[in-house]
């Protein structure tokens, strides 16, 4: 039986729903296996992915200017399985997602949080809650151009969160995000970390939900 070793407990009951949050907007996809992208930027990866799968995709972006650009592109592309969301991802996930409904999570080139490393996704107590929303066999993909970040993330996912994890260089032809295109064009190396939620993995939030 897999479980976590993280002592700091996430407190979802202390988080208010995001502004203008409407539960009915996401109820139509809650019971389907979802693809979740956090930090979607202007939506290039989410839009590309939406054209290759019928699976519902929720792509969250917090920055208003990036989200507005994403929203315009999504409207022009007309992908019915893609839902752009303008919100802080943590309270949105708490109030919108049911346990074990996510089949894939993307965190592509997140802020490295150099001033406060404890705000990195793999170091936050929220990671346990995110894992509770993922199905058995679901995959988490994180990409970064910072080698130390990649190595730290791989270590935390393996040692702290007890997940099977791999780390590899991103193919130089990859064009998933504007950041990725820029870094690879400059000749920089980019790393991809992939972790899988094993069968029987237990979190302290497996039965916790605000969704009715």
N, C-alpha and C. Protein backbone atom coordinates (compact mmCIF):
# COMPACT_ATOMS: atom_id res chain seq x y z
N UNK A 1 0.85 -1.19 0.00
CA UNK A 1 0.00 0.00 0.00
C UNK A 1 0.88 1.24 0.00
N UNK A 2 0.70 2.09 -0.99
CA UNK A 2 1.50 3.30 -1.09
C UNK A 2 0.86 4.43 -0.29
N UNK A 3 1.68 5.28 0.25
CA UNK A 3 1.17 6.46 0.96
C UNK A 3 2.25 7.53 0.92
N UNK A 4 2.02 8.63 1.58
CA UNK A 4 2.92 9.76 1.57
C UNK A 4 3.75 9.80 2.85
N UNK A 5 4.81 10.61 2.83
CA UNK A 5 5.62 10.85 4.02
C UNK A 5 5.61 12.33 4.39
N UNK A 6 4.70 13.08 3.79
CA UNK A 6 4.73 14.53 3.96
C UNK A 6 3.96 14.90 5.22
N UNK A 7 4.60 15.65 6.10
CA UNK A 7 4.00 15.94 7.41
C UNK A 7 3.07 17.15 7.40
N UNK A 8 3.40 18.19 6.60
CA UNK A 8 2.56 19.39 6.57
C UNK A 8 1.25 19.07 5.86
N UNK A 9 0.15 19.18 6.56
CA UNK A 9 -1.14 18.79 6.00
C UNK A 9 -1.80 19.96 5.29
N UNK A 10 -2.22 19.73 4.08
CA UNK A 10 -2.98 20.70 3.31
C UNK A 10 -4.34 20.90 3.97
N UNK A 11 -4.86 22.14 3.94
CA UNK A 11 -6.13 22.46 4.60
C UNK A 11 -7.12 23.00 3.57
N UNK A 12 -7.76 22.15 2.78
CA UNK A 12 -8.66 22.62 1.73
C UNK A 12 -9.89 23.34 2.26
N UNK A 13 -10.32 23.02 3.46
CA UNK A 13 -11.51 23.65 4.01
C UNK A 13 -11.30 25.13 4.32
N UNK A 14 -10.06 25.59 4.29
CA UNK A 14 -9.76 27.00 4.55
C UNK A 14 -9.74 27.84 3.28
N UNK A 15 -9.93 27.23 2.13
CA UNK A 15 -9.85 27.94 0.86
C UNK A 15 -11.24 28.26 0.33
N UNK A 16 -11.46 29.52 0.05
CA UNK A 16 -12.72 29.94 -0.56
C UNK A 16 -12.71 29.62 -2.05
N UNK A 17 -13.90 29.46 -2.60
CA UNK A 17 -14.02 29.26 -4.04
C UNK A 17 -13.52 30.49 -4.78
N UNK A 18 -12.91 30.32 -5.96
CA UNK A 18 -12.45 31.47 -6.74
C UNK A 18 -13.59 32.41 -7.09
N UNK A 19 -13.26 33.66 -7.34
CA UNK A 19 -14.26 34.65 -7.74
C UNK A 19 -14.98 34.19 -9.01
N UNK A 20 -16.29 34.38 -9.04
CA UNK A 20 -17.13 34.02 -10.18
C UNK A 20 -17.14 32.52 -10.45
N UNK A 21 -16.81 31.73 -9.44
CA UNK A 21 -16.79 30.28 -9.61
C UNK A 21 -18.21 29.75 -9.76
N UNK A 22 -18.44 28.94 -10.78
CA UNK A 22 -19.76 28.38 -11.04
C UNK A 22 -19.60 26.87 -11.16
N UNK A 23 -20.11 26.15 -10.18
CA UNK A 23 -19.95 24.69 -10.19
C UNK A 23 -20.63 24.05 -11.39
N UNK A 24 -21.78 24.59 -11.81
CA UNK A 24 -22.51 23.97 -12.90
C UNK A 24 -21.71 23.98 -14.19
N UNK A 25 -20.75 24.87 -14.30
CA UNK A 25 -19.97 24.96 -15.53
C UNK A 25 -19.08 23.75 -15.74
N UNK A 26 -18.76 23.06 -14.65
CA UNK A 26 -17.85 21.93 -14.79
C UNK A 26 -18.51 20.60 -14.45
N UNK A 27 -19.77 20.60 -14.07
CA UNK A 27 -20.41 19.35 -13.69
C UNK A 27 -20.53 18.37 -14.85
N UNK A 28 -20.61 18.88 -16.07
CA UNK A 28 -20.79 17.99 -17.21
C UNK A 28 -19.57 17.12 -17.46
N UNK A 29 -18.42 17.49 -16.91
CA UNK A 29 -17.21 16.70 -17.17
C UNK A 29 -16.62 16.11 -15.90
N UNK A 30 -17.22 16.36 -14.75
CA UNK A 30 -16.62 15.92 -13.50
C UNK A 30 -16.44 14.41 -13.42
N UNK A 31 -17.37 13.65 -13.95
CA UNK A 31 -17.30 12.21 -13.82
C UNK A 31 -16.54 11.53 -14.95
N UNK A 32 -16.04 12.31 -15.88
CA UNK A 32 -15.22 11.75 -16.96
C UNK A 32 -13.75 11.84 -16.58
N UNK A 33 -12.91 10.96 -17.13
CA UNK A 33 -11.47 11.12 -16.90
C UNK A 33 -11.00 12.44 -17.51
N UNK A 34 -10.46 13.30 -16.70
CA UNK A 34 -10.07 14.64 -17.14
C UNK A 34 -8.57 14.73 -17.40
N UNK A 35 -8.20 15.61 -18.30
CA UNK A 35 -6.82 16.06 -18.43
C UNK A 35 -6.77 17.45 -17.82
N UNK A 36 -5.82 17.68 -16.93
CA UNK A 36 -5.70 18.96 -16.23
C UNK A 36 -4.35 19.59 -16.53
N UNK A 37 -4.37 20.83 -17.00
CA UNK A 37 -3.13 21.58 -17.17
C UNK A 37 -3.16 22.79 -16.23
N UNK A 38 -2.14 22.92 -15.42
CA UNK A 38 -2.01 24.05 -14.50
C UNK A 38 -0.92 24.97 -15.01
N UNK A 39 -1.26 26.26 -15.16
CA UNK A 39 -0.31 27.21 -15.72
C UNK A 39 -0.28 27.09 -17.23
N UNK A 40 -1.46 27.21 -17.85
CA UNK A 40 -1.60 26.95 -19.29
C UNK A 40 -1.07 28.07 -20.17
N UNK A 41 -0.75 29.23 -19.58
CA UNK A 41 -0.25 30.35 -20.38
C UNK A 41 -1.26 30.80 -21.41
N UNK A 42 -0.81 30.96 -22.64
CA UNK A 42 -1.71 31.38 -23.72
C UNK A 42 -2.39 30.19 -24.40
N UNK A 43 -2.19 29.01 -23.83
CA UNK A 43 -2.99 27.86 -24.24
C UNK A 43 -2.47 27.04 -25.39
N UNK A 44 -1.23 27.25 -25.83
CA UNK A 44 -0.74 26.54 -27.02
C UNK A 44 -0.77 25.03 -26.82
N UNK A 45 -0.29 24.55 -25.68
CA UNK A 45 -0.28 23.11 -25.45
C UNK A 45 -1.69 22.56 -25.31
N UNK A 46 -2.53 23.23 -24.53
CA UNK A 46 -3.89 22.75 -24.32
C UNK A 46 -4.67 22.70 -25.63
N UNK A 47 -4.52 23.71 -26.46
CA UNK A 47 -5.22 23.75 -27.74
C UNK A 47 -4.74 22.64 -28.67
N UNK A 48 -3.44 22.42 -28.69
CA UNK A 48 -2.89 21.35 -29.52
C UNK A 48 -3.38 19.99 -29.04
N UNK A 49 -3.37 19.80 -27.72
CA UNK A 49 -3.82 18.53 -27.15
C UNK A 49 -5.30 18.29 -27.41
N UNK A 50 -6.10 19.34 -27.33
CA UNK A 50 -7.55 19.21 -27.52
C UNK A 50 -7.91 18.73 -28.92
N UNK A 51 -7.03 18.95 -29.87
CA UNK A 51 -7.29 18.53 -31.24
C UNK A 51 -6.85 17.10 -31.51
N UNK A 52 -6.25 16.46 -30.51
CA UNK A 52 -5.79 15.08 -30.68
C UNK A 52 -6.53 14.08 -29.81
N UNK A 53 -7.46 14.56 -28.97
CA UNK A 53 -8.20 13.67 -28.07
C UNK A 53 -9.61 14.19 -27.87
N UNK A 54 -10.53 13.28 -27.56
CA UNK A 54 -11.89 13.67 -27.20
C UNK A 54 -12.05 13.83 -25.70
N UNK A 55 -11.00 13.54 -24.94
CA UNK A 55 -11.06 13.60 -23.48
C UNK A 55 -11.24 15.06 -23.03
N UNK A 56 -12.05 15.30 -22.01
CA UNK A 56 -12.20 16.67 -21.50
C UNK A 56 -10.87 17.20 -20.96
N UNK A 57 -10.58 18.44 -21.32
CA UNK A 57 -9.34 19.10 -20.88
C UNK A 57 -9.71 20.37 -20.13
N UNK A 58 -9.20 20.51 -18.93
CA UNK A 58 -9.35 21.75 -18.17
C UNK A 58 -7.97 22.39 -18.09
N UNK A 59 -7.84 23.59 -18.59
CA UNK A 59 -6.55 24.29 -18.63
C UNK A 59 -6.67 25.59 -17.85
N UNK A 60 -5.91 25.70 -16.76
CA UNK A 60 -6.04 26.81 -15.82
C UNK A 60 -4.89 27.79 -15.98
N UNK A 61 -5.22 29.06 -16.07
CA UNK A 61 -4.21 30.12 -16.13
C UNK A 61 -4.62 31.25 -15.19
N UNK A 62 -3.71 31.69 -14.36
CA UNK A 62 -4.02 32.72 -13.36
C UNK A 62 -3.83 34.13 -13.91
N UNK A 63 -2.82 34.36 -14.75
CA UNK A 63 -2.50 35.70 -15.24
C UNK A 63 -3.56 36.16 -16.25
N UNK A 64 -4.16 37.32 -16.00
CA UNK A 64 -5.28 37.76 -16.84
C UNK A 64 -4.88 37.96 -18.30
N UNK A 65 -3.75 38.62 -18.57
CA UNK A 65 -3.39 38.89 -19.96
C UNK A 65 -3.17 37.60 -20.74
N UNK A 66 -2.49 36.64 -20.11
CA UNK A 66 -2.29 35.35 -20.79
C UNK A 66 -3.61 34.63 -20.99
N UNK A 67 -4.48 34.68 -19.97
CA UNK A 67 -5.75 33.98 -20.09
C UNK A 67 -6.61 34.59 -21.20
N UNK A 68 -6.64 35.91 -21.31
CA UNK A 68 -7.45 36.54 -22.36
C UNK A 68 -6.97 36.11 -23.74
N UNK A 69 -5.66 36.02 -23.93
CA UNK A 69 -5.12 35.54 -25.21
C UNK A 69 -5.53 34.08 -25.44
N UNK A 70 -5.45 33.28 -24.39
CA UNK A 70 -5.85 31.88 -24.46
C UNK A 70 -7.33 31.76 -24.82
N UNK A 71 -8.16 32.56 -24.17
CA UNK A 71 -9.60 32.50 -24.40
C UNK A 71 -9.95 32.83 -25.85
N UNK A 72 -9.27 33.82 -26.42
CA UNK A 72 -9.52 34.19 -27.82
C UNK A 72 -9.12 33.07 -28.77
N UNK A 73 -7.97 32.46 -28.51
CA UNK A 73 -7.51 31.36 -29.36
C UNK A 73 -8.45 30.17 -29.25
N UNK A 74 -8.91 29.89 -28.03
CA UNK A 74 -9.82 28.76 -27.83
C UNK A 74 -11.14 28.98 -28.57
N UNK A 75 -11.65 30.20 -28.52
CA UNK A 75 -12.90 30.51 -29.22
C UNK A 75 -12.73 30.36 -30.73
N UNK A 76 -11.58 30.77 -31.23
CA UNK A 76 -11.34 30.67 -32.67
C UNK A 76 -11.14 29.22 -33.11
N UNK A 77 -10.57 28.42 -32.24
CA UNK A 77 -10.29 27.03 -32.59
C UNK A 77 -11.52 26.15 -32.43
N UNK A 78 -12.39 26.51 -31.49
CA UNK A 78 -13.65 25.80 -31.27
C UNK A 78 -13.43 24.32 -30.96
N UNK A 79 -12.77 24.07 -29.84
CA UNK A 79 -12.59 22.70 -29.35
C UNK A 79 -13.57 22.46 -28.21
N UNK A 80 -14.65 21.72 -28.44
CA UNK A 80 -15.68 21.57 -27.41
C UNK A 80 -15.22 20.83 -26.16
N UNK A 81 -14.14 20.09 -26.25
CA UNK A 81 -13.66 19.33 -25.09
C UNK A 81 -12.68 20.12 -24.23
N UNK A 82 -12.39 21.36 -24.61
CA UNK A 82 -11.42 22.19 -23.88
C UNK A 82 -12.15 23.27 -23.08
N UNK A 83 -11.82 23.37 -21.80
CA UNK A 83 -12.39 24.42 -20.95
C UNK A 83 -11.27 25.28 -20.37
N UNK A 84 -11.04 26.48 -20.92
CA UNK A 84 -10.09 27.40 -20.31
C UNK A 84 -10.66 27.95 -19.01
N UNK A 85 -9.83 28.06 -17.99
CA UNK A 85 -10.27 28.54 -16.68
C UNK A 85 -9.32 29.64 -16.22
N UNK A 86 -9.89 30.78 -15.83
CA UNK A 86 -9.10 31.88 -15.28
C UNK A 86 -9.25 31.85 -13.77
N UNK A 87 -8.23 31.34 -13.09
CA UNK A 87 -8.33 31.20 -11.64
C UNK A 87 -6.97 30.83 -11.06
N UNK A 88 -6.88 30.94 -9.76
CA UNK A 88 -5.77 30.34 -9.03
C UNK A 88 -6.06 28.85 -8.99
N UNK A 89 -5.12 28.04 -9.41
CA UNK A 89 -5.37 26.61 -9.59
C UNK A 89 -5.70 25.89 -8.29
N UNK A 90 -5.10 26.30 -7.18
CA UNK A 90 -5.28 25.53 -5.95
C UNK A 90 -6.73 25.60 -5.44
N UNK A 91 -7.31 26.78 -5.19
CA UNK A 91 -8.71 26.79 -4.76
C UNK A 91 -9.66 26.26 -5.82
N UNK A 92 -9.34 26.48 -7.10
CA UNK A 92 -10.21 25.96 -8.15
C UNK A 92 -10.28 24.43 -8.09
N UNK A 93 -9.14 23.79 -7.97
CA UNK A 93 -9.11 22.32 -7.90
C UNK A 93 -9.84 21.82 -6.66
N UNK A 94 -9.68 22.53 -5.55
CA UNK A 94 -10.34 22.13 -4.32
C UNK A 94 -11.86 22.15 -4.47
N UNK A 95 -12.38 23.17 -5.13
CA UNK A 95 -13.84 23.34 -5.21
C UNK A 95 -14.45 22.71 -6.46
N UNK A 96 -13.64 22.30 -7.42
CA UNK A 96 -14.21 21.80 -8.68
C UNK A 96 -14.02 20.32 -8.92
N UNK A 97 -12.98 19.72 -8.40
CA UNK A 97 -12.63 18.37 -8.81
C UNK A 97 -13.02 17.32 -7.77
N UNK A 98 -13.59 16.25 -8.26
CA UNK A 98 -13.89 15.11 -7.41
C UNK A 98 -12.67 14.21 -7.29
N UNK A 99 -12.60 13.40 -6.24
CA UNK A 99 -11.49 12.45 -6.13
C UNK A 99 -11.44 11.49 -7.32
N UNK A 100 -10.23 11.17 -7.73
CA UNK A 100 -9.97 10.12 -8.73
C UNK A 100 -10.70 10.35 -10.05
N UNK A 101 -10.66 11.60 -10.53
CA UNK A 101 -11.29 11.92 -11.82
C UNK A 101 -10.30 12.44 -12.86
N UNK A 102 -9.04 12.58 -12.50
CA UNK A 102 -8.04 13.15 -13.40
C UNK A 102 -7.11 12.04 -13.89
N UNK A 103 -6.94 11.97 -15.21
CA UNK A 103 -6.09 10.93 -15.78
C UNK A 103 -4.70 11.43 -16.17
N UNK A 104 -4.56 12.74 -16.28
CA UNK A 104 -3.26 13.32 -16.67
C UNK A 104 -3.17 14.74 -16.14
N UNK A 105 -2.02 15.10 -15.57
CA UNK A 105 -1.76 16.45 -15.10
C UNK A 105 -0.51 16.97 -15.81
N UNK A 106 -0.59 18.19 -16.33
CA UNK A 106 0.56 18.85 -16.95
C UNK A 106 0.95 20.09 -16.15
N UNK A 107 2.22 20.18 -15.83
CA UNK A 107 2.82 21.37 -15.22
C UNK A 107 4.04 21.71 -16.07
N UNK A 108 3.81 22.49 -17.10
CA UNK A 108 4.87 22.75 -18.07
C UNK A 108 5.53 24.09 -17.80
N UNK A 109 6.80 24.04 -17.44
CA UNK A 109 7.63 25.22 -17.18
C UNK A 109 7.02 26.13 -16.11
N UNK A 110 6.77 25.57 -14.93
CA UNK A 110 6.24 26.40 -13.85
C UNK A 110 7.30 27.38 -13.34
N UNK A 111 6.84 28.41 -12.65
CA UNK A 111 7.73 29.37 -12.00
C UNK A 111 8.65 28.60 -11.05
N UNK A 112 9.98 28.78 -11.18
CA UNK A 112 10.89 28.04 -10.30
C UNK A 112 10.90 28.51 -8.86
N UNK A 113 10.22 29.64 -8.58
CA UNK A 113 10.09 30.14 -7.20
C UNK A 113 11.46 30.17 -6.50
N UNK A 114 12.40 30.88 -7.12
CA UNK A 114 13.76 30.92 -6.58
C UNK A 114 13.80 31.55 -5.18
N UNK A 115 12.94 32.52 -4.93
CA UNK A 115 12.95 33.21 -3.63
C UNK A 115 12.30 32.37 -2.54
N UNK A 116 11.44 31.45 -2.93
CA UNK A 116 10.72 30.63 -1.95
C UNK A 116 10.52 29.22 -2.50
N UNK A 117 11.55 28.37 -2.42
CA UNK A 117 11.46 27.03 -3.00
C UNK A 117 10.31 26.19 -2.46
N UNK A 118 9.83 26.50 -1.26
CA UNK A 118 8.71 25.72 -0.71
C UNK A 118 7.41 25.95 -1.46
N UNK A 119 7.38 26.95 -2.37
CA UNK A 119 6.22 27.18 -3.20
C UNK A 119 6.28 26.38 -4.51
N UNK A 120 7.32 25.60 -4.70
CA UNK A 120 7.37 24.73 -5.86
C UNK A 120 6.32 23.63 -5.70
N UNK A 121 5.70 23.23 -6.81
CA UNK A 121 4.56 22.32 -6.75
C UNK A 121 4.88 21.05 -5.98
N UNK A 122 6.02 20.45 -6.24
CA UNK A 122 6.33 19.17 -5.60
C UNK A 122 6.62 19.31 -4.12
N UNK A 123 6.88 20.54 -3.65
CA UNK A 123 7.16 20.77 -2.24
C UNK A 123 5.95 21.21 -1.43
N UNK A 124 4.86 21.53 -2.11
CA UNK A 124 3.69 22.07 -1.40
C UNK A 124 2.80 20.96 -0.86
N UNK A 125 2.17 21.18 0.30
CA UNK A 125 1.18 20.21 0.80
C UNK A 125 0.06 19.94 -0.20
N UNK A 126 -0.23 20.92 -1.09
CA UNK A 126 -1.27 20.74 -2.10
C UNK A 126 -1.01 19.53 -2.98
N UNK A 127 0.24 19.12 -3.12
CA UNK A 127 0.54 17.98 -3.98
C UNK A 127 -0.22 16.73 -3.53
N UNK A 128 -0.37 16.55 -2.23
CA UNK A 128 -1.12 15.40 -1.73
C UNK A 128 -2.58 15.47 -2.18
N UNK A 129 -3.16 16.69 -2.12
CA UNK A 129 -4.55 16.85 -2.56
C UNK A 129 -4.66 16.58 -4.06
N UNK A 130 -3.71 17.09 -4.83
CA UNK A 130 -3.72 16.87 -6.28
C UNK A 130 -3.66 15.37 -6.59
N UNK A 131 -2.84 14.66 -5.86
CA UNK A 131 -2.75 13.21 -6.07
C UNK A 131 -4.07 12.52 -5.75
N UNK A 132 -4.82 13.06 -4.79
CA UNK A 132 -6.12 12.46 -4.46
C UNK A 132 -7.14 12.63 -5.58
N UNK A 133 -6.96 13.65 -6.42
CA UNK A 133 -7.87 13.88 -7.55
C UNK A 133 -7.50 12.99 -8.74
N UNK A 134 -6.30 12.41 -8.74
CA UNK A 134 -5.83 11.60 -9.85
C UNK A 134 -6.28 10.15 -9.70
N UNK A 135 -6.61 9.53 -10.82
CA UNK A 135 -6.97 8.13 -10.84
C UNK A 135 -5.72 7.25 -10.67
N UNK A 136 -5.92 6.00 -10.30
CA UNK A 136 -4.81 5.05 -10.34
C UNK A 136 -4.31 4.94 -11.77
N UNK A 137 -3.00 4.99 -11.94
CA UNK A 137 -2.40 4.96 -13.27
C UNK A 137 -2.29 6.31 -13.93
N UNK A 138 -2.86 7.35 -13.32
CA UNK A 138 -2.76 8.70 -13.89
C UNK A 138 -1.31 9.17 -13.85
N UNK A 139 -0.97 10.03 -14.81
CA UNK A 139 0.41 10.50 -14.93
C UNK A 139 0.48 12.00 -14.68
N UNK A 140 1.56 12.40 -14.04
CA UNK A 140 1.88 13.82 -13.83
C UNK A 140 3.14 14.13 -14.62
N UNK A 141 3.05 15.14 -15.48
CA UNK A 141 4.19 15.54 -16.32
C UNK A 141 4.59 16.95 -15.98
N UNK A 142 5.84 17.13 -15.60
CA UNK A 142 6.40 18.45 -15.33
C UNK A 142 7.60 18.66 -16.23
N UNK A 143 7.71 19.85 -16.81
CA UNK A 143 8.86 20.19 -17.64
C UNK A 143 9.49 21.47 -17.15
N UNK A 144 10.82 21.55 -17.27
CA UNK A 144 11.57 22.73 -16.83
C UNK A 144 12.88 22.82 -17.60
N UNK A 145 13.40 24.02 -17.70
CA UNK A 145 14.72 24.22 -18.32
C UNK A 145 15.80 24.38 -17.26
N UNK A 146 15.47 24.13 -16.01
CA UNK A 146 16.41 24.31 -14.90
C UNK A 146 16.78 22.93 -14.36
N UNK A 147 18.01 22.53 -14.56
CA UNK A 147 18.41 21.17 -14.20
C UNK A 147 18.24 20.89 -12.70
N UNK A 148 18.63 21.85 -11.86
CA UNK A 148 18.52 21.63 -10.42
C UNK A 148 17.07 21.46 -10.00
N UNK A 149 16.17 22.22 -10.63
CA UNK A 149 14.73 22.08 -10.36
C UNK A 149 14.27 20.68 -10.76
N UNK A 150 14.68 20.24 -11.94
CA UNK A 150 14.27 18.93 -12.43
C UNK A 150 14.74 17.82 -11.50
N UNK A 151 15.98 17.89 -11.06
CA UNK A 151 16.53 16.85 -10.19
C UNK A 151 15.84 16.86 -8.83
N UNK A 152 15.57 18.06 -8.32
CA UNK A 152 14.87 18.16 -7.04
C UNK A 152 13.46 17.61 -7.15
N UNK A 153 12.77 17.94 -8.23
CA UNK A 153 11.40 17.47 -8.44
C UNK A 153 11.39 15.94 -8.53
N UNK A 154 12.31 15.38 -9.27
CA UNK A 154 12.38 13.91 -9.40
C UNK A 154 12.60 13.27 -8.04
N UNK A 155 13.48 13.87 -7.24
CA UNK A 155 13.77 13.31 -5.92
C UNK A 155 12.55 13.37 -5.00
N UNK A 156 11.86 14.52 -4.99
CA UNK A 156 10.71 14.67 -4.11
C UNK A 156 9.58 13.73 -4.53
N UNK A 157 9.30 13.63 -5.81
CA UNK A 157 8.22 12.75 -6.26
C UNK A 157 8.53 11.29 -5.90
N UNK A 158 9.80 10.92 -5.98
CA UNK A 158 10.18 9.54 -5.68
C UNK A 158 10.28 9.28 -4.19
N UNK A 159 10.98 10.17 -3.46
CA UNK A 159 11.28 9.90 -2.05
C UNK A 159 10.16 10.35 -1.11
N UNK A 160 9.61 11.54 -1.34
CA UNK A 160 8.58 12.07 -0.43
C UNK A 160 7.20 11.54 -0.80
N UNK A 161 6.86 11.64 -2.09
CA UNK A 161 5.52 11.24 -2.51
C UNK A 161 5.44 9.78 -2.92
N UNK A 162 6.57 9.11 -2.96
CA UNK A 162 6.62 7.66 -3.19
C UNK A 162 5.94 7.25 -4.49
N UNK A 163 6.30 7.93 -5.56
CA UNK A 163 5.75 7.64 -6.87
C UNK A 163 6.83 7.07 -7.79
N UNK A 164 6.46 6.15 -8.66
CA UNK A 164 7.38 5.77 -9.74
C UNK A 164 7.61 6.98 -10.64
N UNK A 165 8.86 7.30 -10.92
CA UNK A 165 9.16 8.54 -11.65
C UNK A 165 10.32 8.34 -12.60
N UNK A 166 10.25 9.03 -13.73
CA UNK A 166 11.35 9.03 -14.70
C UNK A 166 11.71 10.47 -15.03
N UNK A 167 12.95 10.68 -15.44
CA UNK A 167 13.41 12.00 -15.86
C UNK A 167 14.20 11.84 -17.15
N UNK A 168 13.95 12.71 -18.11
CA UNK A 168 14.60 12.62 -19.41
C UNK A 168 14.67 14.00 -20.05
N UNK A 169 15.56 14.14 -21.01
CA UNK A 169 15.65 15.39 -21.77
C UNK A 169 14.48 15.49 -22.73
N UNK A 170 13.95 16.70 -22.90
CA UNK A 170 12.89 16.96 -23.85
C UNK A 170 13.48 16.94 -25.26
N UNK A 171 12.77 16.31 -26.18
CA UNK A 171 13.22 16.27 -27.58
C UNK A 171 13.33 17.69 -28.13
N UNK A 172 14.39 17.95 -28.86
CA UNK A 172 14.65 19.31 -29.34
C UNK A 172 13.66 19.78 -30.41
N UNK A 173 12.82 18.90 -30.91
CA UNK A 173 11.79 19.31 -31.87
C UNK A 173 10.47 19.64 -31.19
N UNK A 174 10.41 19.50 -29.86
CA UNK A 174 9.15 19.72 -29.14
C UNK A 174 8.75 21.19 -29.17
N UNK A 175 7.46 21.45 -29.31
CA UNK A 175 6.96 22.84 -29.41
C UNK A 175 5.71 23.02 -28.54
N UNK A 176 5.67 22.41 -27.37
CA UNK A 176 4.45 22.43 -26.58
C UNK A 176 4.07 23.80 -26.08
N UNK A 177 5.05 24.61 -25.66
CA UNK A 177 4.77 25.94 -25.13
C UNK A 177 5.73 26.95 -25.72
N UNK A 178 5.39 28.23 -25.58
CA UNK A 178 6.28 29.29 -26.06
C UNK A 178 7.61 29.26 -25.32
N UNK A 179 7.56 28.98 -24.01
CA UNK A 179 8.80 28.85 -23.24
C UNK A 179 9.67 27.73 -23.79
N UNK A 180 9.06 26.59 -24.06
CA UNK A 180 9.82 25.45 -24.56
C UNK A 180 10.47 25.76 -25.90
N UNK A 181 9.73 26.38 -26.80
CA UNK A 181 10.27 26.76 -28.10
C UNK A 181 11.46 27.69 -27.92
N UNK A 182 11.32 28.68 -27.04
CA UNK A 182 12.39 29.66 -26.81
C UNK A 182 13.64 28.99 -26.24
N UNK A 183 13.46 28.18 -25.21
CA UNK A 183 14.61 27.55 -24.58
C UNK A 183 15.35 26.63 -25.54
N UNK A 184 14.61 25.80 -26.26
CA UNK A 184 15.25 24.85 -27.17
C UNK A 184 15.92 25.56 -28.34
N UNK A 185 15.30 26.66 -28.81
CA UNK A 185 15.91 27.43 -29.91
C UNK A 185 17.23 28.05 -29.49
N UNK A 186 17.37 28.37 -28.20
CA UNK A 186 18.62 28.93 -27.69
C UNK A 186 19.67 27.86 -27.42
N UNK A 187 19.31 26.61 -27.65
CA UNK A 187 20.24 25.52 -27.41
C UNK A 187 20.27 25.03 -25.99
N UNK A 188 19.31 25.48 -25.16
CA UNK A 188 19.27 25.04 -23.78
C UNK A 188 18.67 23.63 -23.68
N UNK A 189 19.07 22.92 -22.67
CA UNK A 189 18.46 21.63 -22.39
C UNK A 189 17.18 21.84 -21.58
N UNK A 190 16.18 21.04 -21.85
CA UNK A 190 14.95 21.04 -21.05
C UNK A 190 14.72 19.61 -20.55
N UNK A 191 14.18 19.51 -19.36
CA UNK A 191 13.96 18.20 -18.74
C UNK A 191 12.47 17.96 -18.55
N UNK A 192 12.09 16.69 -18.67
CA UNK A 192 10.72 16.27 -18.41
C UNK A 192 10.72 15.21 -17.32
N UNK A 193 9.91 15.43 -16.32
CA UNK A 193 9.74 14.49 -15.22
C UNK A 193 8.34 13.92 -15.33
N UNK A 194 8.23 12.60 -15.30
CA UNK A 194 6.93 11.95 -15.36
C UNK A 194 6.78 11.01 -14.16
N UNK A 195 5.66 11.15 -13.47
CA UNK A 195 5.36 10.29 -12.33
C UNK A 195 4.00 9.65 -12.55
N UNK A 196 3.83 8.47 -12.01
CA UNK A 196 2.56 7.74 -12.14
C UNK A 196 2.00 7.41 -10.77
N UNK A 197 0.70 7.58 -10.62
CA UNK A 197 0.05 7.22 -9.35
C UNK A 197 -0.23 5.72 -9.34
N UNK A 198 0.39 4.99 -8.42
CA UNK A 198 0.22 3.54 -8.43
C UNK A 198 -1.16 3.11 -7.93
N UNK A 199 -1.55 1.91 -8.30
CA UNK A 199 -2.76 1.29 -7.76
C UNK A 199 -2.61 1.15 -6.25
N UNK A 200 -3.64 1.50 -5.51
CA UNK A 200 -3.61 1.37 -4.07
C UNK A 200 -2.97 2.53 -3.33
N UNK A 201 -2.60 3.59 -4.05
CA UNK A 201 -1.99 4.76 -3.41
C UNK A 201 -3.03 5.47 -2.54
N UNK A 202 -2.65 5.82 -1.33
CA UNK A 202 -3.59 6.41 -0.36
C UNK A 202 -3.16 7.83 -0.01
N UNK A 203 -4.12 8.76 0.00
CA UNK A 203 -3.89 10.10 0.53
C UNK A 203 -4.91 10.36 1.63
N UNK A 204 -4.72 11.45 2.35
CA UNK A 204 -5.65 11.81 3.41
C UNK A 204 -6.87 12.56 2.89
N UNK A 205 -6.97 12.70 1.55
CA UNK A 205 -8.09 13.44 0.95
C UNK A 205 -8.90 12.58 -0.01
N UNK A 206 -8.73 11.29 0.04
CA UNK A 206 -9.39 10.41 -0.92
C UNK A 206 -10.91 10.49 -0.87
N UNK A 207 -11.46 10.84 0.29
CA UNK A 207 -12.92 10.93 0.44
C UNK A 207 -13.38 12.37 0.69
N UNK A 208 -12.51 13.33 0.48
CA UNK A 208 -12.83 14.73 0.80
C UNK A 208 -13.27 15.44 -0.48
N UNK A 209 -14.39 16.17 -0.40
CA UNK A 209 -14.85 16.93 -1.57
C UNK A 209 -15.87 17.98 -1.14
N UNK A 210 -15.82 19.14 -1.80
CA UNK A 210 -16.86 20.15 -1.63
C UNK A 210 -17.93 20.02 -2.70
N UNK A 211 -17.68 19.15 -3.68
CA UNK A 211 -18.57 19.05 -4.83
C UNK A 211 -19.74 18.16 -4.49
N UNK A 212 -20.95 18.67 -4.75
CA UNK A 212 -22.15 17.88 -4.46
C UNK A 212 -22.70 17.29 -5.74
